[in-house]
N, C-alpha and C. Protein backbone atom coordinates (compact mmCIF):
# COMPACT_ATOMS: atom_id res chain seq x y z
N MET A 1 52.83 0.97 -45.29
CA MET A 1 52.45 0.56 -45.63
C MET A 1 52.06 -1.02 -45.51
N ALA A 2 50.96 -1.94 -46.05
CA ALA A 2 50.90 -2.89 -45.57
C ALA A 2 51.88 -3.86 -46.33
N ASN A 3 52.12 -5.20 -45.73
CA ASN A 3 53.17 -5.84 -46.16
C ASN A 3 51.99 -7.10 -46.58
N PRO A 4 52.04 -7.08 -48.22
CA PRO A 4 51.18 -7.76 -49.24
C PRO A 4 51.86 -9.52 -48.79
N THR A 5 52.66 -9.67 -48.68
CA THR A 5 52.69 -11.50 -48.10
C THR A 5 52.43 -11.66 -46.87
N LYS A 6 52.32 -11.19 -45.74
CA LYS A 6 51.61 -11.10 -44.33
C LYS A 6 50.36 -11.64 -44.85
N ASP A 7 49.92 -12.71 -43.61
CA ASP A 7 48.87 -13.64 -43.82
C ASP A 7 47.64 -12.44 -42.59
N ASP A 8 46.84 -12.62 -43.46
CA ASP A 8 45.72 -11.66 -42.63
C ASP A 8 44.68 -12.74 -41.70
N SER A 9 44.44 -13.61 -42.29
CA SER A 9 43.72 -14.79 -41.58
C SER A 9 43.92 -14.72 -40.21
N ALA A 10 45.13 -15.15 -39.65
CA ALA A 10 45.31 -15.35 -38.14
C ALA A 10 44.95 -13.76 -37.51
N HIS A 11 44.75 -12.73 -38.29
CA HIS A 11 44.52 -11.33 -37.20
C HIS A 11 42.99 -11.25 -37.66
N GLY A 12 42.44 -12.18 -37.72
CA GLY A 12 41.11 -10.95 -37.80
C GLY A 12 40.61 -10.90 -38.92
N GLY A 13 41.44 -11.49 -40.16
CA GLY A 13 40.49 -11.26 -41.38
C GLY A 13 39.76 -12.08 -41.94
N GLU A 14 39.13 -11.78 -43.46
CA GLU A 14 38.16 -12.56 -43.67
C GLU A 14 38.41 -14.19 -44.08
N HIS A 15 37.31 -14.85 -43.32
CA HIS A 15 37.52 -16.38 -43.21
C HIS A 15 36.55 -16.55 -44.47
N ALA A 16 37.10 -17.66 -45.27
CA ALA A 16 36.97 -17.86 -46.71
C ALA A 16 35.82 -19.16 -46.38
N HIS A 17 34.85 -18.83 -46.69
CA HIS A 17 33.51 -19.80 -46.05
C HIS A 17 32.50 -20.31 -47.58
N GLY A 18 32.72 -21.36 -47.85
CA GLY A 18 31.54 -21.84 -49.31
C GLY A 18 30.32 -21.74 -49.02
N ILE A 19 30.10 -21.72 -50.52
CA ILE A 19 28.10 -21.40 -50.03
C ILE A 19 27.52 -22.90 -49.88
N GLY A 20 28.63 -23.99 -49.58
CA GLY A 20 27.46 -25.03 -49.31
C GLY A 20 27.60 -24.93 -47.75
N ARG A 21 28.30 -24.63 -47.64
CA ARG A 21 28.05 -24.66 -46.00
C ARG A 21 26.40 -23.73 -45.72
N TYR A 22 26.59 -22.60 -46.07
CA TYR A 22 25.54 -21.76 -46.20
C TYR A 22 23.90 -22.39 -46.53
N LEU A 23 24.21 -22.86 -47.59
CA LEU A 23 23.00 -23.99 -48.24
C LEU A 23 22.57 -25.06 -47.06
N LYS A 24 23.62 -25.74 -46.46
CA LYS A 24 22.97 -26.55 -45.50
C LYS A 24 22.28 -26.37 -44.26
N VAL A 25 23.28 -25.10 -43.95
CA VAL A 25 22.31 -24.19 -42.82
C VAL A 25 20.89 -23.73 -43.02
N TRP A 26 21.05 -23.19 -44.60
CA TRP A 26 19.41 -23.00 -44.66
C TRP A 26 18.77 -23.66 -45.15
N ALA A 27 19.17 -25.14 -45.39
CA ALA A 27 18.13 -26.30 -45.53
C ALA A 27 17.55 -27.11 -44.51
N ALA A 28 18.70 -26.84 -43.28
CA ALA A 28 18.34 -26.94 -42.09
C ALA A 28 16.95 -25.87 -41.35
N LEU A 29 17.49 -24.71 -41.67
CA LEU A 29 16.71 -24.49 -41.20
C LEU A 29 15.02 -23.83 -41.65
N ILE A 30 14.87 -24.37 -43.12
CA ILE A 30 13.34 -24.79 -43.96
C ILE A 30 13.27 -26.04 -43.22
N ALA A 31 13.81 -26.79 -42.93
CA ALA A 31 13.19 -28.21 -42.03
C ALA A 31 12.98 -27.99 -40.97
N GLY A 32 13.50 -27.14 -40.22
CA GLY A 32 12.96 -26.59 -39.07
C GLY A 32 11.49 -25.77 -38.80
N THR A 33 11.44 -24.92 -40.15
CA THR A 33 10.11 -24.25 -40.13
C THR A 33 9.04 -24.94 -40.35
N PHE A 34 9.40 -26.22 -41.53
CA PHE A 34 8.41 -27.05 -42.06
C PHE A 34 7.62 -27.84 -40.51
N LEU A 35 9.14 -28.67 -40.05
CA LEU A 35 8.80 -28.81 -38.28
C LEU A 35 7.95 -28.24 -37.54
N THR A 36 8.29 -26.91 -37.51
CA THR A 36 7.16 -26.13 -36.56
C THR A 36 6.32 -25.73 -37.13
N VAL A 37 5.93 -25.77 -38.50
CA VAL A 37 4.48 -26.07 -38.91
C VAL A 37 3.66 -27.09 -38.63
N LYS A 38 4.03 -28.45 -38.81
CA LYS A 38 4.01 -30.32 -38.42
C LYS A 38 3.32 -29.94 -37.50
N THR A 39 4.27 -29.73 -36.50
CA THR A 39 3.94 -29.59 -35.07
C THR A 39 3.06 -28.88 -34.11
N GLY A 40 2.86 -27.66 -34.84
CA GLY A 40 1.91 -26.52 -34.38
C GLY A 40 0.26 -27.21 -34.22
N HIS A 41 -0.02 -27.97 -35.47
CA HIS A 41 -0.87 -28.59 -36.28
C HIS A 41 -1.41 -30.02 -35.31
N MET A 42 -0.65 -29.81 -34.13
CA MET A 42 -0.73 -31.13 -33.54
C MET A 42 -1.08 -31.00 -31.99
N ASP A 43 -2.08 -31.82 -31.14
CA ASP A 43 -1.84 -31.22 -30.06
C ASP A 43 -1.44 -32.34 -28.85
N LEU A 44 -0.21 -31.89 -28.43
CA LEU A 44 0.39 -32.33 -27.51
C LEU A 44 0.20 -32.28 -25.85
N GLY A 45 -0.89 -31.11 -25.40
CA GLY A 45 -0.99 -30.65 -24.55
C GLY A 45 0.20 -30.22 -23.52
N ALA A 46 0.20 -30.04 -22.71
CA ALA A 46 1.48 -29.28 -22.04
C ALA A 46 2.92 -29.09 -22.80
N GLY A 47 2.85 -30.33 -23.40
CA GLY A 47 4.58 -30.74 -24.50
C GLY A 47 4.63 -29.33 -25.56
N ASN A 48 3.34 -28.92 -25.91
CA ASN A 48 3.60 -28.06 -27.35
C ASN A 48 4.63 -26.87 -27.04
N ILE A 49 4.42 -26.39 -25.98
CA ILE A 49 5.25 -25.15 -25.88
C ILE A 49 6.80 -25.48 -25.70
N PHE A 50 7.03 -26.81 -24.82
CA PHE A 50 8.58 -27.05 -24.88
C PHE A 50 9.33 -27.41 -26.52
N LEU A 51 8.04 -27.84 -27.07
CA LEU A 51 8.75 -28.90 -28.49
C LEU A 51 8.97 -27.51 -29.22
N ALA A 52 7.88 -26.81 -28.50
CA ALA A 52 8.02 -25.37 -29.96
C ALA A 52 9.13 -24.81 -29.80
N LEU A 53 9.47 -24.43 -28.36
CA LEU A 53 10.88 -23.81 -27.82
C LEU A 53 11.94 -24.56 -28.26
N THR A 54 12.07 -25.78 -28.40
CA THR A 54 13.23 -26.46 -28.56
C THR A 54 13.62 -26.11 -29.83
N ILE A 55 12.58 -26.49 -31.33
CA ILE A 55 13.09 -25.87 -32.37
C ILE A 55 13.45 -25.12 -32.72
N ALA A 56 12.60 -23.82 -31.83
CA ALA A 56 13.01 -21.97 -32.27
C ALA A 56 14.39 -22.20 -31.35
N SER A 57 14.96 -22.61 -30.49
CA SER A 57 16.12 -22.87 -30.13
C SER A 57 17.52 -23.73 -31.04
N ILE A 58 16.89 -24.41 -31.37
CA ILE A 58 17.98 -24.81 -32.40
C ILE A 58 17.96 -23.99 -33.80
N LYS A 59 16.84 -23.47 -34.15
CA LYS A 59 17.09 -22.71 -35.29
C LYS A 59 18.03 -21.21 -35.06
N ALA A 60 17.65 -20.95 -33.84
CA ALA A 60 18.29 -19.50 -33.40
C ALA A 60 19.46 -19.47 -32.85
N THR A 61 20.38 -21.12 -32.53
CA THR A 61 21.26 -21.58 -32.62
C THR A 61 22.36 -21.69 -33.95
N LEU A 62 21.55 -21.89 -34.65
CA LEU A 62 22.42 -22.33 -35.84
C LEU A 62 22.36 -20.99 -36.51
N VAL A 63 21.19 -20.04 -36.65
CA VAL A 63 21.48 -18.96 -37.23
C VAL A 63 22.86 -17.89 -36.67
N VAL A 64 23.13 -17.90 -35.35
CA VAL A 64 24.27 -17.49 -34.61
C VAL A 64 25.22 -17.61 -34.79
N LEU A 65 25.21 -19.28 -35.01
CA LEU A 65 26.62 -19.55 -35.07
C LEU A 65 27.25 -19.26 -36.30
N PHE A 66 26.05 -19.62 -37.74
CA PHE A 66 26.52 -19.62 -38.86
C PHE A 66 26.41 -18.18 -39.29
N PHE A 67 25.50 -17.39 -39.42
CA PHE A 67 25.08 -16.48 -40.50
C PHE A 67 25.55 -15.33 -39.83
N MET A 68 25.68 -15.28 -38.26
CA MET A 68 26.37 -14.01 -37.57
C MET A 68 27.86 -14.44 -37.09
N HIS A 69 28.49 -15.23 -37.54
CA HIS A 69 29.61 -16.14 -37.68
C HIS A 69 30.09 -16.26 -36.63
N MET A 70 29.36 -16.25 -35.05
CA MET A 70 29.84 -16.82 -33.85
C MET A 70 30.99 -18.05 -33.75
N ILE A 71 30.51 -19.13 -35.00
CA ILE A 71 31.45 -20.09 -34.59
C ILE A 71 32.82 -19.98 -35.14
N ASP A 72 33.15 -18.23 -35.63
CA ASP A 72 34.71 -18.21 -36.06
C ASP A 72 35.37 -16.95 -35.05
N THR A 73 34.28 -16.53 -34.08
CA THR A 73 35.09 -15.29 -33.29
C THR A 73 35.41 -16.11 -32.22
N PRO A 74 36.80 -15.28 -31.94
CA PRO A 74 37.66 -15.65 -30.40
C PRO A 74 36.64 -15.73 -29.18
N ALA A 75 37.40 -16.17 -28.14
CA ALA A 75 36.52 -16.96 -27.35
C ALA A 75 35.84 -15.73 -26.36
N ALA A 76 36.62 -14.26 -26.14
CA ALA A 76 36.03 -13.30 -25.33
C ALA A 76 34.53 -13.04 -25.99
N ASN A 77 34.08 -12.92 -27.50
CA ASN A 77 32.95 -12.35 -27.75
C ASN A 77 32.23 -13.53 -27.92
N ARG A 78 32.58 -14.83 -27.52
CA ARG A 78 31.50 -16.42 -27.39
C ARG A 78 31.07 -16.21 -25.44
N ILE A 79 32.29 -15.71 -25.28
CA ILE A 79 32.07 -15.66 -23.42
C ILE A 79 31.27 -14.61 -23.16
N VAL A 80 30.89 -13.41 -24.19
CA VAL A 80 30.09 -12.23 -23.70
C VAL A 80 28.28 -12.54 -24.29
N PHE A 81 28.43 -13.34 -25.17
CA PHE A 81 27.22 -13.90 -26.15
C PHE A 81 26.47 -15.16 -25.02
N VAL A 82 27.56 -16.19 -24.50
CA VAL A 82 26.72 -17.14 -23.57
C VAL A 82 26.33 -16.40 -22.90
N THR A 83 26.86 -15.20 -22.24
CA THR A 83 26.80 -14.53 -20.71
C THR A 83 25.71 -13.45 -20.88
N SER A 84 25.48 -13.19 -21.74
CA SER A 84 23.44 -12.59 -22.20
C SER A 84 22.69 -13.39 -22.19
N ILE A 85 22.98 -14.82 -22.38
CA ILE A 85 21.72 -15.61 -23.17
C ILE A 85 21.80 -16.36 -21.26
N VAL A 86 22.81 -16.70 -20.91
CA VAL A 86 22.16 -17.35 -19.05
C VAL A 86 21.80 -15.97 -18.89
N PHE A 87 21.87 -14.89 -18.96
CA PHE A 87 21.45 -13.41 -17.84
C PHE A 87 20.01 -13.86 -18.63
N ALA A 88 19.53 -14.01 -19.74
CA ALA A 88 17.60 -14.06 -19.91
C ALA A 88 17.45 -14.76 -19.70
N ILE A 89 18.12 -16.35 -19.82
CA ILE A 89 17.25 -17.16 -19.12
C ILE A 89 17.27 -17.23 -17.66
N VAL A 90 17.83 -16.43 -16.83
CA VAL A 90 18.11 -15.99 -15.22
C VAL A 90 16.68 -15.23 -15.00
N LEU A 91 16.59 -14.25 -16.13
CA LEU A 91 15.33 -12.97 -15.67
C LEU A 91 14.27 -13.99 -16.05
N ILE A 92 14.09 -14.61 -17.21
CA ILE A 92 12.74 -15.76 -17.97
C ILE A 92 12.41 -16.17 -16.72
N ILE A 93 13.35 -17.21 -16.01
CA ILE A 93 13.10 -18.18 -14.51
C ILE A 93 12.25 -17.23 -13.71
N GLY A 94 12.91 -15.58 -13.26
CA GLY A 94 12.73 -15.27 -12.35
C GLY A 94 11.56 -14.90 -12.73
N VAL A 95 10.70 -14.20 -13.71
CA VAL A 95 9.24 -14.01 -13.42
C VAL A 95 8.32 -15.24 -13.66
N PHE A 96 9.05 -16.57 -14.36
CA PHE A 96 8.08 -17.56 -14.24
C PHE A 96 7.77 -17.79 -12.88
N GLY A 97 9.00 -17.86 -12.05
CA GLY A 97 8.84 -18.28 -10.52
C GLY A 97 7.73 -17.42 -10.03
N ASP A 98 8.03 -15.76 -9.97
CA ASP A 98 7.28 -15.40 -9.41
C ASP A 98 5.55 -15.52 -9.65
N LEU A 99 5.51 -15.87 -11.00
CA LEU A 99 4.17 -16.06 -11.11
C LEU A 99 3.66 -17.12 -10.62
N TRP A 100 4.75 -18.17 -10.82
CA TRP A 100 3.80 -19.86 -10.33
C TRP A 100 3.81 -19.65 -8.74
N THR A 101 4.54 -18.92 -8.01
CA THR A 101 4.04 -18.83 -6.66
C THR A 101 3.32 -17.92 -6.41
N ARG A 102 2.71 -16.84 -6.93
CA ARG A 102 1.84 -16.35 -6.45
C ARG A 102 0.18 -16.69 -5.95
N ASN A 103 -0.51 -16.34 -4.88
CA ASN A 103 -1.63 -16.47 -4.76
C ASN A 103 -2.68 -16.42 -5.86
N GLU A 104 -3.74 -17.42 -5.74
CA GLU A 104 -4.55 -16.84 -6.56
C GLU A 104 -5.62 -15.51 -6.51
N MET A 105 -5.78 -14.51 -7.69
CA MET A 105 -6.02 -13.39 -7.31
C MET A 105 -7.31 -13.39 -6.57
N THR A 106 -7.62 -12.54 -5.32
CA THR A 106 -9.32 -12.45 -4.71
C THR A 106 -9.39 -10.90 -5.05
N LEU A 107 -10.68 -10.78 -4.92
CA LEU A 107 -11.54 -9.04 -4.74
C LEU A 107 -11.57 -8.68 -3.20
N PRO A 108 -11.44 -7.81 -3.31
CA PRO A 108 -11.42 -6.72 -2.12
C PRO A 108 -12.78 -7.21 -1.16
N SER A 109 -13.17 -7.30 -0.50
CA SER A 109 -14.44 -7.54 0.12
C SER A 109 -15.45 -6.22 -0.10
N ALA A 110 -15.43 -5.11 -0.35
CA ALA A 110 -16.30 -3.97 -0.89
C ALA A 110 -16.31 -3.98 -2.79
N ALA A 111 -15.16 -4.72 -3.34
CA ALA A 111 -15.88 -4.69 -5.01
C ALA A 111 -16.52 -5.56 -5.33
N PRO A 112 -17.26 -5.36 -6.56
CA PRO A 112 -18.36 -5.91 -6.81
C PRO A 112 -17.86 -7.16 -7.45
N SER A 113 -18.78 -8.10 -7.80
CA SER A 113 -18.92 -9.52 -8.04
C SER A 113 -18.41 -9.31 -9.37
N THR A 114 -17.62 -9.91 -10.24
CA THR A 114 -17.06 -10.22 -11.42
C THR A 114 -18.11 -11.22 -11.62
N GLU A 115 -18.85 -11.67 -11.12
CA GLU A 115 -19.71 -12.97 -11.50
C GLU A 115 -21.45 -12.73 -11.62
N GLY A 116 -22.03 -12.77 -12.71
CA GLY A 116 -23.20 -12.35 -12.67
C GLY A 116 -23.12 -11.64 -13.98
N PRO A 117 -24.79 -11.13 -14.31
CA PRO A 117 -25.20 -10.55 -15.36
C PRO A 117 -24.22 -8.96 -15.77
N GLU A 118 -23.72 -9.12 -17.05
CA GLU A 118 -23.19 -7.60 -17.58
C GLU A 118 -24.05 -6.90 -17.15
N ILE A 119 -23.02 -5.41 -16.48
CA ILE A 119 -23.67 -4.40 -16.33
C ILE A 119 -24.64 -3.71 -17.57
N GLY A 120 -25.97 -3.33 -17.23
CA GLY A 120 -26.88 -2.52 -18.47
C GLY A 120 -27.28 -3.60 -18.81
N GLY A 121 -26.84 -4.59 -19.33
CA GLY A 121 -27.45 -5.95 -19.94
C GLY A 121 -28.80 -6.17 -19.22
N PRO A 122 -29.96 -7.08 -19.65
CA PRO A 122 -31.25 -7.45 -19.26
C PRO A 122 -31.21 -8.64 -18.49
N THR A 123 -31.60 -8.15 -17.12
CA THR A 123 -31.43 -9.59 -16.51
C THR A 123 -32.64 -10.81 -16.21
N PRO A 124 -32.67 -11.44 -15.70
CA PRO A 124 -33.47 -12.65 -16.00
C PRO A 124 -34.91 -12.37 -15.40
N ASN A 125 -35.06 -11.57 -14.10
CA ASN A 125 -36.10 -11.20 -13.69
C ASN A 125 -36.63 -10.16 -13.96
N MET A 126 -36.43 -9.14 -14.99
CA MET A 126 -36.79 -7.66 -15.81
C MET A 126 -37.33 -8.03 -17.21
N PRO A 127 -38.29 -7.51 -17.82
CA PRO A 127 -37.98 -7.60 -19.01
C PRO A 127 -37.28 -6.69 -20.18
N MET A 128 -37.13 -6.66 -21.26
CA MET A 128 -36.77 -5.79 -22.09
C MET A 128 -37.14 -4.57 -21.83
N PRO A 129 -36.46 -3.38 -22.23
CA PRO A 129 -37.22 -2.07 -22.22
C PRO A 129 -37.75 -2.07 -23.71
N SER A 130 -38.79 -1.74 -23.48
CA SER A 130 -39.50 -1.59 -25.26
C SER A 130 -39.02 -0.10 -25.51
N PRO A 131 -38.80 -0.08 -27.19
CA PRO A 131 -38.33 0.89 -27.58
C PRO A 131 -39.25 2.31 -27.33
N THR A 132 -38.42 3.44 -27.40
CA THR A 132 -39.52 4.24 -27.37
C THR A 132 -39.67 4.48 -28.65
N PRO A 133 -41.37 5.34 -29.27
CA PRO A 133 -41.68 5.51 -30.15
C PRO A 133 -40.69 7.15 -30.71
N ALA A 134 -41.26 7.00 -31.38
CA ALA A 134 -40.58 8.15 -32.61
C ALA A 134 -41.10 9.72 -32.36
N HIS A 135 -41.12 10.43 -32.37
CA HIS A 135 -41.71 11.46 -32.15
C HIS A 135 -42.11 12.16 -33.34
N GLU A 136 -43.45 12.32 -33.85
CA GLU A 136 -43.73 12.97 -34.97
C GLU A 136 -44.33 14.19 -35.15
């Protein structure tokens, strides 16, 4: 039988969180959403993707830390989580590294050219065929 006087919070019991903490995080997520929409209409050139990823990463971090309770977990869970994130980043860098170092794609010498009129469409030197008359 369980001892009712024993404190369960030291052994992984429920943590008491006030609603104020969740409201603040929720407000920050709403502000991040409005910031995402606002900056999505701006033309920052190549900076658009980096700004969008930064805002999304901050919002995802807030969700993971507070709504998924990663801030209250033991160190082993944090290590597993951080390791998985690092592994995902390494995979993404590997894919982009491969794409950025490839030569420009070329066609083999016997392949048809992709520059020119569409197949089956009218060409500048040939008139369009007239429609065939209906049989009566």
